[in-house]
């Protein structure tokens, strides 16, 4: 008897698992877009810091390699193509305006009386 009750309860709860979630509101969409932009900016900052660290290591390697008589260019070439992404600034996208703001003109159909036979 318990197994039947457990099976019925499981089927009843499984139906709610397949229910659709409501569409996110405009505010939720805006927050998600801002979070995505902030994450992308964080990735750019991390790439910039990595580039600066690699340049620092390359400069140190070149400094050590020159007195040892090794070819400095073969040891490490500094990239020096690091681009600072700057501070995070988020500008939300402006929703597109409808194509035509003016309502379409209403054309009245002419009513013509047909002659009776």
PDB file of N, CA and C in Angstrom:
ATOM      1  N   UNK A   1       0.811  -1.193   0.000  1.00  0.00           N
ATOM      2  CA  UNK A   1       0.000   0.000   0.000  1.00  0.00           C
ATOM      3  C   UNK A   1       0.862   1.270   0.000  1.00  0.00           C
ATOM      4  N   UNK A   2       1.966   1.218   0.758  1.00  0.00           N
ATOM      5  CA  UNK A   2       2.853   2.376   0.814  1.00  0.00           C
ATOM      6  C   UNK A   2       3.495   2.650  -0.539  1.00  0.00           C
ATOM      7  N   UNK A   3       3.854   1.583  -1.249  1.00  0.00           N
ATOM      8  CA  UNK A   3       4.512   1.780  -2.540  1.00  0.00           C
ATOM      9  C   UNK A   3       3.563   2.426  -3.546  1.00  0.00           C
ATOM     10  N   UNK A   4       2.296   2.099  -3.487  1.00  0.00           N
ATOM     11  CA  UNK A   4       1.323   2.713  -4.387  1.00  0.00           C
ATOM     12  C   UNK A   4       1.186   4.200  -4.057  1.00  0.00           C
ATOM     13  N   UNK A   5       1.114   4.511  -2.776  1.00  0.00           N
ATOM     14  CA  UNK A   5       0.998   5.913  -2.359  1.00  0.00           C
ATOM     15  C   UNK A   5       2.233   6.710  -2.785  1.00  0.00           C
ATOM     16  N   UNK A   6       3.417   6.124  -2.643  1.00  0.00           N
ATOM     17  CA  UNK A   6       4.657   6.799  -3.031  1.00  0.00           C
ATOM     18  C   UNK A   6       4.682   7.019  -4.538  1.00  0.00           C
ATOM     19  N   UNK A   7       4.242   6.033  -5.302  1.00  0.00           N
ATOM     20  CA  UNK A   7       4.226   6.178  -6.766  1.00  0.00           C
ATOM     21  C   UNK A   7       3.249   7.269  -7.201  1.00  0.00           C
ATOM     22  N   UNK A   8       2.077   7.307  -6.598  1.00  0.00           N
ATOM     23  CA  UNK A   8       1.085   8.328  -6.947  1.00  0.00           C
ATOM     24  C   UNK A   8       1.616   9.711  -6.586  1.00  0.00           C
ATOM     25  N   UNK A   9       2.243   9.847  -5.442  1.00  0.00           N
ATOM     26  CA  UNK A   9       2.806  11.133  -5.017  1.00  0.00           C
ATOM     27  C   UNK A   9       3.933  11.560  -5.958  1.00  0.00           C
ATOM     28  N   UNK A  10       4.754  10.613  -6.365  1.00  0.00           N
ATOM     29  CA  UNK A  10       5.856  10.926  -7.279  1.00  0.00           C
ATOM     30  C   UNK A  10       5.330  11.404  -8.626  1.00  0.00           C
ATOM     31  N   UNK A  11       4.302  10.762  -9.142  1.00  0.00           N
ATOM     32  CA  UNK A  11       3.728  11.194 -10.419  1.00  0.00           C
ATOM     33  C   UNK A  11       3.074  12.572 -10.303  1.00  0.00           C
ATOM     34  N   UNK A  12       2.446  12.831  -9.168  1.00  0.00           N
ATOM     35  CA  UNK A  12       1.802  14.137  -8.973  1.00  0.00           C
ATOM     36  C   UNK A  12       2.839  15.251  -8.914  1.00  0.00           C
ATOM     37  N   UNK A  13       3.938  14.999  -8.244  1.00  0.00           N
ATOM     38  CA  UNK A  13       4.993  16.013  -8.153  1.00  0.00           C
ATOM     39  C   UNK A  13       5.780  16.144  -9.452  1.00  0.00           C
ATOM     40  N   UNK A  14       5.876  15.079 -10.221  1.00  0.00           N
ATOM     41  CA  UNK A  14       6.607  15.129 -11.486  1.00  0.00           C
ATOM     42  C   UNK A  14       5.907  16.041 -12.480  1.00  0.00           C
ATOM     43  N   UNK A  15       4.593  16.114 -12.413  1.00  0.00           N
ATOM     44  CA  UNK A  15       3.853  16.991 -13.327  1.00  0.00           C
ATOM     45  C   UNK A  15       4.196  18.448 -13.112  1.00  0.00           C
ATOM     46  N   UNK A  16       4.424  18.835 -11.871  1.00  0.00           N
ATOM     47  CA  UNK A  16       4.768  20.234 -11.608  1.00  0.00           C
ATOM     48  C   UNK A  16       6.191  20.557 -12.059  1.00  0.00           C
ATOM     49  N   UNK A  17       7.041  19.553 -12.182  1.00  0.00           N
ATOM     50  CA  UNK A  17       8.411  19.783 -12.623  1.00  0.00           C
ATOM     51  C   UNK A  17       8.464  20.163 -14.102  1.00  0.00           C
ATOM     52  N   UNK A  18       7.463  19.765 -14.872  1.00  0.00           N
ATOM     53  CA  UNK A  18       7.447  20.059 -16.299  1.00  0.00           C
ATOM     54  C   UNK A  18       6.691  21.341 -16.640  1.00  0.00           C
ATOM     55  N   UNK A  19       6.242  22.059 -15.653  1.00  0.00           N
ATOM     56  CA  UNK A  19       5.501  23.300 -15.894  1.00  0.00           C
ATOM     57  C   UNK A  19       6.439  24.355 -16.458  1.00  0.00           C
ATOM     58  N   UNK A  20       5.906  25.218 -17.299  1.00  0.00           N
ATOM     59  CA  UNK A  20       6.703  26.286 -17.898  1.00  0.00           C
ATOM     60  C   UNK A  20       6.852  27.434 -16.919  1.00  0.00           C
ATOM     61  N   UNK A  21       8.020  28.040 -16.950  1.00  0.00           N
ATOM     62  CA  UNK A  21       8.244  29.227 -16.133  1.00  0.00           C
ATOM     63  C   UNK A  21       7.733  30.440 -16.896  1.00  0.00           C
ATOM     64  N   UNK A  22       7.288  31.462 -16.188  1.00  0.00           N
ATOM     65  CA  UNK A  22       6.837  32.667 -16.888  1.00  0.00           C
ATOM     66  C   UNK A  22       8.025  33.394 -17.520  1.00  0.00           C
ATOM     67  N   UNK A  23       7.738  34.161 -18.544  1.00  0.00           N
ATOM     68  CA  UNK A  23       8.790  34.930 -19.212  1.00  0.00           C
ATOM     69  C   UNK A  23       9.333  35.972 -18.243  1.00  0.00           C
ATOM     70  N   UNK A  24      10.652  36.234 -18.290  1.00  0.00           N
ATOM     71  CA  UNK A  24      11.214  37.226 -17.369  1.00  0.00           C
ATOM     72  C   UNK A  24      10.704  38.629 -17.702  1.00  0.00           C
ATOM     73  N   UNK A  25      10.582  39.445 -16.672  1.00  0.00           N
ATOM     74  CA  UNK A  25      10.109  40.810 -16.875  1.00  0.00           C
ATOM     75  C   UNK A  25      11.214  41.649 -17.514  1.00  0.00           C
ATOM     76  N   UNK A  26      10.853  42.854 -17.937  1.00  0.00           N
ATOM     77  CA  UNK A  26      11.834  43.743 -18.551  1.00  0.00           C
ATOM     78  C   UNK A  26      12.937  44.097 -17.563  1.00  0.00           C
ATOM     79  N   UNK A  27      12.561  44.256 -16.298  1.00  0.00           N
ATOM     80  CA  UNK A  27      13.561  44.594 -15.282  1.00  0.00           C
ATOM     81  C   UNK A  27      14.545  43.443 -15.094  1.00  0.00           C
ATOM     82  N   UNK A  28      14.046  42.219 -15.112  1.00  0.00           N
ATOM     83  CA  UNK A  28      14.921  41.055 -14.965  1.00  0.00           C
ATOM     84  C   UNK A  28      15.841  40.919 -16.171  1.00  0.00           C
ATOM     85  N   UNK A  29      15.305  41.209 -17.348  1.00  0.00           N
ATOM     86  CA  UNK A  29      16.134  41.158 -18.554  1.00  0.00           C
ATOM     87  C   UNK A  29      17.234  42.205 -18.495  1.00  0.00           C
ATOM     88  N   UNK A  30      16.908  43.403 -18.000  1.00  0.00           N
ATOM     89  CA  UNK A  30      17.899  44.478 -17.896  1.00  0.00           C
ATOM     90  C   UNK A  30      18.993  44.104 -16.898  1.00  0.00           C
ATOM     91  N   UNK A  31      18.594  43.506 -15.770  1.00  0.00           N
ATOM     92  CA  UNK A  31      19.587  43.091 -14.777  1.00  0.00           C
ATOM     93  C   UNK A  31      20.490  41.996 -15.344  1.00  0.00           C
ATOM     94  N   UNK A  32      19.917  41.086 -16.100  1.00  0.00           N
ATOM     95  CA  UNK A  32      20.713  40.022 -16.702  1.00  0.00           C
ATOM     96  C   UNK A  32      21.698  40.583 -17.722  1.00  0.00           C
ATOM     97  N   UNK A  33      21.255  41.569 -18.506  1.00  0.00           N
ATOM     98  CA  UNK A  33      22.144  42.185 -19.492  1.00  0.00           C
ATOM     99  C   UNK A  33      23.281  42.925 -18.794  1.00  0.00           C
ATOM    100  N   UNK A  34      22.962  43.615 -17.694  1.00  0.00           N
ATOM    101  CA  UNK A  34      24.002  44.329 -16.954  1.00  0.00           C
ATOM    102  C   UNK A  34      24.995  43.347 -16.336  1.00  0.00           C
ATOM    103  N   UNK A  35      24.498  42.249 -15.807  1.00  0.00           N
ATOM    104  CA  UNK A  35      25.387  41.237 -15.225  1.00  0.00           C
ATOM    105  C   UNK A  35      26.301  40.637 -16.292  1.00  0.00           C
ATOM    106  N   UNK A  36      25.759  40.413 -17.488  1.00  0.00           N
ATOM    107  CA  UNK A  36      26.577  39.874 -18.579  1.00  0.00           C
ATOM    108  C   UNK A  36      27.648  40.877 -18.996  1.00  0.00           C
ATOM    109  N   UNK A  37      27.283  42.157 -19.043  1.00  0.00           N
ATOM    110  CA  UNK A  37      28.261  43.188 -19.412  1.00  0.00           C
ATOM    111  C   UNK A  37      29.344  43.309 -18.345  1.00  0.00           C
ATOM    112  N   UNK A  38      28.948  43.203 -17.078  1.00  0.00           N
ATOM    113  CA  UNK A  38      29.921  43.294 -15.982  1.00  0.00           C
ATOM    114  C   UNK A  38      30.877  42.105 -16.017  1.00  0.00           C
ATOM    115  N   UNK A  39      30.360  40.926 -16.327  1.00  0.00           N
ATOM    116  CA  UNK A  39      31.198  39.740 -16.425  1.00  0.00           C
ATOM    117  C   UNK A  39      32.182  39.863 -17.589  1.00  0.00           C
ATOM    118  N   UNK A  40      31.704  40.370 -18.723  1.00  0.00           N
ATOM    119  CA  UNK A  40      32.584  40.552 -19.879  1.00  0.00           C
ATOM    120  C   UNK A  40      33.688  41.563 -19.561  1.00  0.00           C
ATOM    121  N   UNK A  41      33.342  42.625 -18.857  1.00  0.00           N
ATOM    122  CA  UNK A  41      34.351  43.629 -18.491  1.00  0.00           C
ATOM    123  C   UNK A  41      35.369  43.021 -17.531  1.00  0.00           C
ATOM    124  N   UNK A  42      34.898  42.192 -16.604  1.00  0.00           N
ATOM    125  CA  UNK A  42      35.816  41.520 -15.684  1.00  0.00           C
ATOM    126  C   UNK A  42      36.808  40.641 -16.433  1.00  0.00           C
ATOM    127  N   UNK A  43      36.351  39.983 -17.477  1.00  0.00           N
ATOM    128  CA  UNK A  43      37.248  39.174 -18.304  1.00  0.00           C
ATOM    129  C   UNK A  43      38.299  40.029 -19.005  1.00  0.00           C
ATOM    130  N   UNK A  44      37.893  41.211 -19.468  1.00  0.00           N
ATOM    131  CA  UNK A  44      38.841  42.111 -20.122  1.00  0.00           C
ATOM    132  C   UNK A  44      39.887  42.615 -19.133  1.00  0.00           C
ATOM    133  N   UNK A  45      39.447  42.916 -17.909  1.00  0.00           N
ATOM    134  CA  UNK A  45      40.384  43.381 -16.885  1.00  0.00           C
ATOM    135  C   UNK A  45      41.382  42.279 -16.548  1.00  0.00           C
ATOM    136  N   UNK A  46      40.895  41.051 -16.409  1.00  0.00           N
ATOM    137  CA  UNK A  46      41.796  39.935 -16.111  1.00  0.00           C
ATOM    138  C   UNK A  46      42.789  39.705 -17.245  1.00  0.00           C
ATOM    139  N   UNK A  47      42.342  39.828 -18.486  1.00  0.00           N
ATOM    140  CA  UNK A  47      43.248  39.669 -19.627  1.00  0.00           C
ATOM    141  C   UNK A  47      44.303  40.772 -19.632  1.00  0.00           C
ATOM    142  N   UNK A  48      43.909  41.984 -19.265  1.00  0.00           N
ATOM    143  CA  UNK A  48      44.851  43.107 -19.188  1.00  0.00           C
ATOM    144  C   UNK A  48      45.897  42.849 -18.106  1.00  0.00           C
ATOM    145  N   UNK A  49      45.456  42.404 -16.929  1.00  0.00           N
ATOM    146  CA  UNK A  49      46.397  42.139 -15.842  1.00  0.00           C
ATOM    147  C   UNK A  49      47.345  40.993 -16.199  1.00  0.00           C
ATOM    148  N   UNK A  50      46.841  39.980 -16.884  1.00  0.00           N
ATOM    149  CA  UNK A  50      47.685  38.880 -17.334  1.00  0.00           C
ATOM    150  C   UNK A  50      48.725  39.379 -18.332  1.00  0.00           C
ATOM    151  N   UNK A  51      48.304  40.223 -19.245  1.00  0.00           N
ATOM    152  CA  UNK A  51      49.226  40.775 -20.243  1.00  0.00           C
ATOM    153  C   UNK A  51      50.340  41.576 -19.572  1.00  0.00           C
ATOM    154  N   UNK A  52      49.967  42.399 -18.581  1.00  0.00           N
ATOM    155  CA  UNK A  52      50.968  43.198 -17.868  1.00  0.00           C
ATOM    156  C   UNK A  52      51.958  42.293 -17.118  1.00  0.00           C
ATOM    157  N   UNK A  53      51.447  41.222 -16.508  1.00  0.00           N
ATOM    158  CA  UNK A  53      52.316  40.290 -15.793  1.00  0.00           C
ATOM    159  C   UNK A  53      53.255  39.575 -16.762  1.00  0.00           C
ATOM    160  N   UNK A  54      52.741  39.209 -17.929  1.00  0.00           N
ATOM    161  CA  UNK A  54      53.588  38.547 -18.920  1.00  0.00           C
ATOM    162  C   UNK A  54      54.677  39.495 -19.422  1.00  0.00           C
ATOM    163  N   UNK A  55      54.340  40.765 -19.616  1.00  0.00           N
ATOM    164  CA  UNK A  55      55.344  41.747 -20.030  1.00  0.00           C
ATOM    165  C   UNK A  55      56.417  41.901 -18.964  1.00  0.00           C
ATOM    166  N   UNK A  56      56.009  41.913 -17.708  1.00  0.00           N
ATOM    167  CA  UNK A  56      56.956  42.049 -16.605  1.00  0.00           C
ATOM    168  C   UNK A  56      57.910  40.858 -16.564  1.00  0.00           C
ATOM    169  N   UNK A  57      57.369  39.655 -16.733  1.00  0.00           N
ATOM    170  CA  UNK A  57      58.207  38.457 -16.739  1.00  0.00           C
ATOM    171  C   UNK A  57      59.135  38.462 -17.946  1.00  0.00           C
ATOM    172  N   UNK A  58      58.639  38.873 -19.106  1.00  0.00           N
ATOM    173  CA  UNK A  58      59.471  38.915 -20.311  1.00  0.00           C
ATOM    174  C   UNK A  58      60.603  39.924 -20.147  1.00  0.00           C
ATOM    175  N   UNK A  59      60.305  41.085 -19.544  1.00  0.00           N
ATOM    176  CA  UNK A  59      61.346  42.088 -19.332  1.00  0.00           C
ATOM    177  C   UNK A  59      62.412  41.562 -18.373  1.00  0.00           C
ATOM    178  N   UNK A  60      61.987  40.868 -17.333  1.00  0.00           N
ATOM    179  CA  UNK A  60      62.957  40.326 -16.372  1.00  0.00           C
ATOM    180  C   UNK A  60      63.798  39.237 -17.026  1.00  0.00           C
ATOM    181  N   UNK A  61      63.163  38.399 -17.829  1.00  0.00           N
ATOM    182  CA  UNK A  61      63.893  37.340 -18.522  1.00  0.00           C
ATOM    183  C   UNK A  61      64.918  37.931 -19.469  1.00  0.00           C
ATOM    184  N   UNK A  62      64.547  38.978 -20.191  1.00  0.00           N
ATOM    185  CA  UNK A  62      65.485  39.627 -21.104  1.00  0.00           C
ATOM    186  C   UNK A  62      66.645  40.271 -20.339  1.00  0.00           C
ATOM    187  N   UNK A  63      66.339  40.841 -19.181  1.00  0.00           N
ATOM    188  CA  UNK A  63      67.373  41.493 -18.371  1.00  0.00           C
ATOM    189  C   UNK A  63      68.395  40.465 -17.875  1.00  0.00           C
ATOM    190  N   UNK A  64      67.916  39.284 -17.493  1.00  0.00           N
ATOM    191  CA  UNK A  64      68.796  38.222 -17.011  1.00  0.00           C
ATOM    192  C   UNK A  64      69.539  37.575 -18.167  1.00  0.00           C
ATOM    193  N   UNK A  65      68.947  37.480 -19.328  1.00  0.00           N
ATOM    194  CA  UNK A  65      69.548  36.775 -20.464  1.00  0.00           C
ATOM    195  C   UNK A  65      70.678  37.572 -21.111  1.00  0.00           C
ATOM    196  N   UNK A  66      70.606  38.890 -21.092  1.00  0.00           N
ATOM    197  CA  UNK A  66      71.640  39.700 -21.752  1.00  0.00           C
ATOM    198  C   UNK A  66      73.020  39.506 -21.129  1.00  0.00           C
ATOM    199  N   UNK A  67      73.189  39.603 -19.812  1.00  0.00           N
ATOM    200  CA  UNK A  67      74.529  39.409 -19.255  1.00  0.00           C
ATOM    201  C   UNK A  67      75.046  37.974 -19.413  1.00  0.00           C
ATOM    202  N   UNK A  68      74.147  37.027 -19.527  1.00  0.00           N
ATOM    203  CA  UNK A  68      74.561  35.625 -19.663  1.00  0.00           C
ATOM    204  C   UNK A  68      75.015  35.323 -21.080  1.00  0.00           C
ATOM    205  N   UNK A  69      74.842  36.254 -22.011  1.00  0.00           N
ATOM    206  CA  UNK A  69      75.291  36.055 -23.378  1.00  0.00           C
ATOM    207  C   UNK A  69      74.263  35.371 -24.252  1.00  0.00           C
ATOM    208  N   UNK A  70      73.070  35.194 -23.770  1.00  0.00           N
ATOM    209  CA  UNK A  70      72.020  34.559 -24.566  1.00  0.00           C
ATOM    210  C   UNK A  70      71.319  35.611 -25.410  1.00  0.00           C
ATOM    211  N   UNK A  71      70.684  35.139 -26.456  1.00  0.00           N
ATOM    212  CA  UNK A  71      69.920  36.037 -27.313  1.00  0.00           C
ATOM    213  C   UNK A  71      68.671  36.482 -26.560  1.00  0.00           C
ATOM    214  N   UNK A  72      68.560  37.772 -26.311  1.00  0.00           N
ATOM    215  CA  UNK A  72      67.449  38.294 -25.522  1.00  0.00           C
ATOM    216  C   UNK A  72      66.119  38.119 -26.244  1.00  0.00           C
ATOM    217  N   UNK A  73      66.118  38.242 -27.561  1.00  0.00           N
ATOM    218  CA  UNK A  73      64.865  38.093 -28.304  1.00  0.00           C
ATOM    219  C   UNK A  73      64.372  36.648 -28.259  1.00  0.00           C
ATOM    220  N   UNK A  74      65.270  35.714 -28.254  1.00  0.00           N
ATOM    221  CA  UNK A  74      64.872  34.309 -28.203  1.00  0.00           C
ATOM    222  C   UNK A  74      64.377  33.944 -26.807  1.00  0.00           C
ATOM    223  N   UNK A  75      64.868  34.632 -25.785  1.00  0.00           N
ATOM    224  CA  UNK A  75      64.464  34.312 -24.417  1.00  0.00           C
ATOM    225  C   UNK A  75      62.989  34.640 -24.213  1.00  0.00           C
ATOM    226  N   UNK A  76      62.612  35.851 -24.463  1.00  0.00           N
ATOM    227  CA  UNK A  76      61.215  36.253 -24.319  1.00  0.00           C
ATOM    228  C   UNK A  76      61.020  37.606 -24.970  1.00  0.00           C
ATOM    229  N   UNK A  77      60.001  37.707 -25.757  1.00  0.00           N
ATOM    230  CA  UNK A  77      59.704  38.982 -26.414  1.00  0.00           C
ATOM    231  C   UNK A  77      58.512  39.611 -25.697  1.00  0.00           C
ATOM    232  N   UNK A  78      58.659  40.823 -25.168  1.00  0.00           N
ATOM    233  CA  UNK A  78      57.508  41.454 -24.506  1.00  0.00           C
ATOM    234  C   UNK A  78      56.414  41.770 -25.506  1.00  0.00           C
ATOM    235  N   UNK A  79      55.199  41.483 -25.119  1.00  0.00           N
ATOM    236  CA  UNK A  79      54.067  41.692 -26.017  1.00  0.00           C
ATOM    237  C   UNK A  79      53.765  43.175 -26.164  1.00  0.00           C
ATOM    238  N   UNK A  80      53.692  43.892 -25.060  1.00  0.00           N
ATOM    239  CA  UNK A  80      53.416  45.333 -24.986  1.00  0.00           C
ATOM    240  C   UNK A  80      52.203  45.755 -25.824  1.00  0.00           C
ATOM    241  N   UNK A  81      51.275  44.845 -26.005  1.00  0.00           N
ATOM    242  CA  UNK A  81      50.043  45.181 -26.708  1.00  0.00           C
ATOM    243  C   UNK A  81      48.878  45.161 -25.722  1.00  0.00           C
ATOM    244  N   UNK A  82      49.168  45.459 -24.469  1.00  0.00           N
ATOM    245  CA  UNK A  82      48.141  45.436 -23.439  1.00  0.00           C
ATOM    246  C   UNK A  82      47.261  46.670 -23.575  1.00  0.00           C
ATOM    247  N   UNK A  83      45.964  46.454 -23.573  1.00  0.00           N
ATOM    248  CA  UNK A  83      45.008  47.553 -23.688  1.00  0.00           C
ATOM    249  C   UNK A  83      44.200  47.606 -22.403  1.00  0.00           C
ATOM    250  N   UNK A  84      44.290  48.741 -21.702  1.00  0.00           N
ATOM    251  CA  UNK A  84      43.558  48.913 -20.452  1.00  0.00           C
ATOM    252  C   UNK A  84      42.077  49.103 -20.768  1.00  0.00           C
ATOM    253  N   UNK A  85      41.190  48.245 -20.226  1.00  0.00           N
ATOM    254  CA  UNK A  85      39.764  48.384 -20.523  1.00  0.00           C
ATOM    255  C   UNK A  85      39.106  49.556 -19.809  1.00  0.00           C
ATOM    256  N   UNK A  86      39.753  50.137 -18.804  1.00  0.00           N
ATOM    257  CA  UNK A  86      39.175  51.271 -18.086  1.00  0.00           C
ATOM    258  C   UNK A  86      38.137  50.811 -17.075  1.00  0.00           C
ATOM    259  N   UNK A  87      37.459  51.770 -16.502  1.00  0.00           N
ATOM    260  CA  UNK A  87      36.439  51.484 -15.498  1.00  0.00           C
ATOM    261  C   UNK A  87      35.180  50.943 -16.170  1.00  0.00           C
ATOM    262  N   UNK A  88      34.420  50.162 -15.411  1.00  0.00           N
ATOM    263  CA  UNK A  88      33.179  49.587 -15.942  1.00  0.00           C
ATOM    264  C   UNK A  88      32.112  50.668 -16.063  1.00  0.00           C
ATOM    265  N   UNK A  89      31.589  50.817 -17.259  1.00  0.00           N
ATOM    266  CA  UNK A  89      30.490  51.752 -17.513  1.00  0.00           C
ATOM    267  C   UNK A  89      29.437  50.993 -18.297  1.00  0.00           C
ATOM    268  N   UNK A  90      28.224  50.949 -17.757  1.00  0.00           N
ATOM    269  CA  UNK A  90      27.143  50.225 -18.433  1.00  0.00           C
ATOM    270  C   UNK A  90      26.123  51.215 -18.939  1.00  0.00           C
ATOM    271  N   UNK A  91      25.846  51.154 -20.222  1.00  0.00           N
ATOM    272  CA  UNK A  91      24.795  51.978 -20.815  1.00  0.00           C
ATOM    273  C   UNK A  91      23.738  51.029 -21.364  1.00  0.00           C
ATOM    274  N   UNK A  92      22.552  51.019 -20.772  1.00  0.00           N
ATOM    275  CA  UNK A  92      21.519  50.090 -21.228  1.00  0.00           C
ATOM    276  C   UNK A  92      21.061  50.423 -22.643  1.00  0.00           C
ATOM    277  N   UNK A  93      20.684  49.387 -23.360  1.00  0.00           N
ATOM    278  CA  UNK A  93      20.193  49.565 -24.722  1.00  0.00           C
ATOM    279  C   UNK A  93      18.814  50.211 -24.685  1.00  0.00           C
ATOM    280  N   UNK A  94      18.586  51.126 -25.610  1.00  0.00           N
ATOM    281  CA  UNK A  94      17.300  51.812 -25.702  1.00  0.00           C
ATOM    282  C   UNK A  94      16.373  50.942 -26.540  1.00  0.00           C
ATOM    283  N   UNK A  95      15.150  50.662 -26.061  1.00  0.00           N
ATOM    284  CA  UNK A  95      14.239  49.837 -26.853  1.00  0.00           C
ATOM    285  C   UNK A  95      13.879  50.532 -28.162  1.00  0.00           C
ATOM    286  N   UNK A  96      13.737  49.748 -29.192  1.00  0.00           N
ATOM    287  CA  UNK A  96      13.428  50.285 -30.513  1.00  0.00           C
ATOM    288  C   UNK A  96      12.000  50.825 -30.551  1.00  0.00           C
ATOM    289  N   UNK A  97      11.850  51.975 -31.202  1.00  0.00           N
ATOM    290  CA  UNK A  97      10.533  52.581 -31.348  1.00  0.00           C
ATOM    291  C   UNK A  97       9.788  51.877 -32.480  1.00  0.00           C
ATOM    292  N   UNK A  98       8.472  51.879 -32.438  1.00  0.00           N
ATOM    293  CA  UNK A  98       7.721  51.265 -33.539  1.00  0.00           C
ATOM    294  C   UNK A  98       8.028  51.967 -34.863  1.00  0.00           C
ATOM    295  N   UNK A  99       7.874  51.236 -35.948  1.00  0.00           N
ATOM    296  CA  UNK A  99       8.218  51.762 -37.264  1.00  0.00           C
ATOM    297  C   UNK A  99       7.385  52.989 -37.611  1.00  0.00           C
ATOM    298  N   UNK A 100       6.101  52.943 -37.350  1.00  0.00           N
ATOM    299  CA  UNK A 100       5.271  54.105 -37.657  1.00  0.00           C
ATOM    300  C   UNK A 100       4.485  54.474 -36.404  1.00  0.00           C
ATOM    301  N   UNK A 101       4.709  55.681 -35.930  1.00  0.00           N
ATOM    302  CA  UNK A 101       4.032  56.126 -34.718  1.00  0.00           C
ATOM    303  C   UNK A 101       2.602  56.577 -35.026  1.00  0.00           C
ATOM    304  N   UNK A 102       2.367  57.071 -36.240  1.00  0.00           N
ATOM    305  CA  UNK A 102       1.042  57.548 -36.622  1.00  0.00           C
ATOM    306  C   UNK A 102       0.165  56.347 -36.993  1.00  0.00           C
ATOM    307  N   UNK A 103      -1.093  56.362 -36.586  1.00  0.00           N
ATOM    308  CA  UNK A 103      -1.965  55.247 -36.957  1.00  0.00           C
ATOM    309  C   UNK A 103      -2.234  55.245 -38.463  1.00  0.00           C
ATOM    310  N   UNK A 104      -2.495  54.082 -38.973  1.00  0.00           N
ATOM    311  CA  UNK A 104      -2.768  53.948 -40.399  1.00  0.00           C
ATOM    312  C   UNK A 104      -4.112  54.606 -40.715  1.00  0.00           C
ATOM    313  N   UNK A 105      -4.203  55.284 -41.855  1.00  0.00           N
ATOM    314  CA  UNK A 105      -5.465  55.929 -42.206  1.00  0.00           C
ATOM    315  C   UNK A 105      -6.563  54.897 -42.465  1.00  0.00           C
ATOM    316  N   UNK A 106      -7.730  55.208 -42.027  1.00  0.00           N
ATOM    317  CA  UNK A 106      -8.860  54.312 -42.209  1.00  0.00           C
ATOM    318  C   UNK A 106      -9.562  54.702 -43.509  1.00  0.00           C
ATOM    319  N   UNK A 107      -9.706  53.730 -44.370  1.00  0.00           N
ATOM    320  CA  UNK A 107     -10.357  53.972 -45.656  1.00  0.00           C
ATOM    321  C   UNK A 107     -11.778  53.437 -45.560  1.00  0.00           C
ATOM    322  N   UNK A 108     -12.732  54.325 -45.736  1.00  0.00           N
ATOM    323  CA  UNK A 108     -14.134  53.912 -45.674  1.00  0.00           C
ATOM    324  C   UNK A 108     -14.540  53.363 -47.032  1.00  0.00           C
ATOM    325  N   UNK A 109     -15.242  52.268 -47.002  1.00  0.00           N
ATOM    326  CA  UNK A 109     -15.707  51.667 -48.245  1.00  0.00           C
ATOM    327  C   UNK A 109     -16.983  52.393 -48.694  1.00  0.00           C
ATOM    328  N   UNK A 110     -17.046  52.661 -49.964  1.00  0.00           N
ATOM    329  CA  UNK A 110     -18.227  53.336 -50.508  1.00  0.00           C
ATOM    330  C   UNK A 110     -19.341  52.321 -50.685  1.00  0.00           C
ATOM    331  N   UNK A 111     -20.494  52.678 -50.243  1.00  0.00           N
ATOM    332  CA  UNK A 111     -21.652  51.790 -50.352  1.00  0.00           C
ATOM    333  C   UNK A 111     -22.447  52.240 -51.572  1.00  0.00           C
ATOM    334  N   UNK A 112     -22.593  51.332 -52.499  1.00  0.00           N
ATOM    335  CA  UNK A 112     -23.338  51.646 -53.719  1.00  0.00           C
ATOM    336  C   UNK A 112     -24.567  50.743 -53.768  1.00  0.00           C
ATOM    337  N   UNK A 113     -25.723  51.353 -53.943  1.00  0.00           N
ATOM    338  CA  UNK A 113     -26.952  50.574 -54.068  1.00  0.00           C
ATOM    339  C   UNK A 113     -27.025  49.964 -55.450  1.00  0.00           C
ATOM    340  N   UNK A 114     -27.296  48.660 -55.450  1.00  0.00           N
ATOM    341  CA  UNK A 114     -27.431  47.982 -56.742  1.00  0.00           C
ATOM    342  C   UNK A 114     -28.864  48.155 -57.219  1.00  0.00           C
ATOM    343  N   UNK A 115     -29.047  48.336 -58.528  1.00  0.00           N
ATOM    344  CA  UNK A 115     -30.413  48.450 -59.031  1.00  0.00           C
ATOM    345  C   UNK A 115     -31.158  47.131 -58.894  1.00  0.00           C
ATOM    346  N   UNK A 116     -32.416  47.222 -58.528  1.00  0.00           N
ATOM    347  CA  UNK A 116     -33.229  46.021 -58.377  1.00  0.00           C
ATOM    348  C   UNK A 116     -33.790  45.610 -59.718  1.00  0.00           C
ATOM    349  N   UNK A 117     -33.944  44.345 -59.919  1.00  0.00           N
ATOM    350  CA  UNK A 117     -34.477  43.847 -61.197  1.00  0.00           C
ATOM    351  C   UNK A 117     -35.900  43.475 -61.074  1.00  0.00           C
TER     352      UNK A 117
END
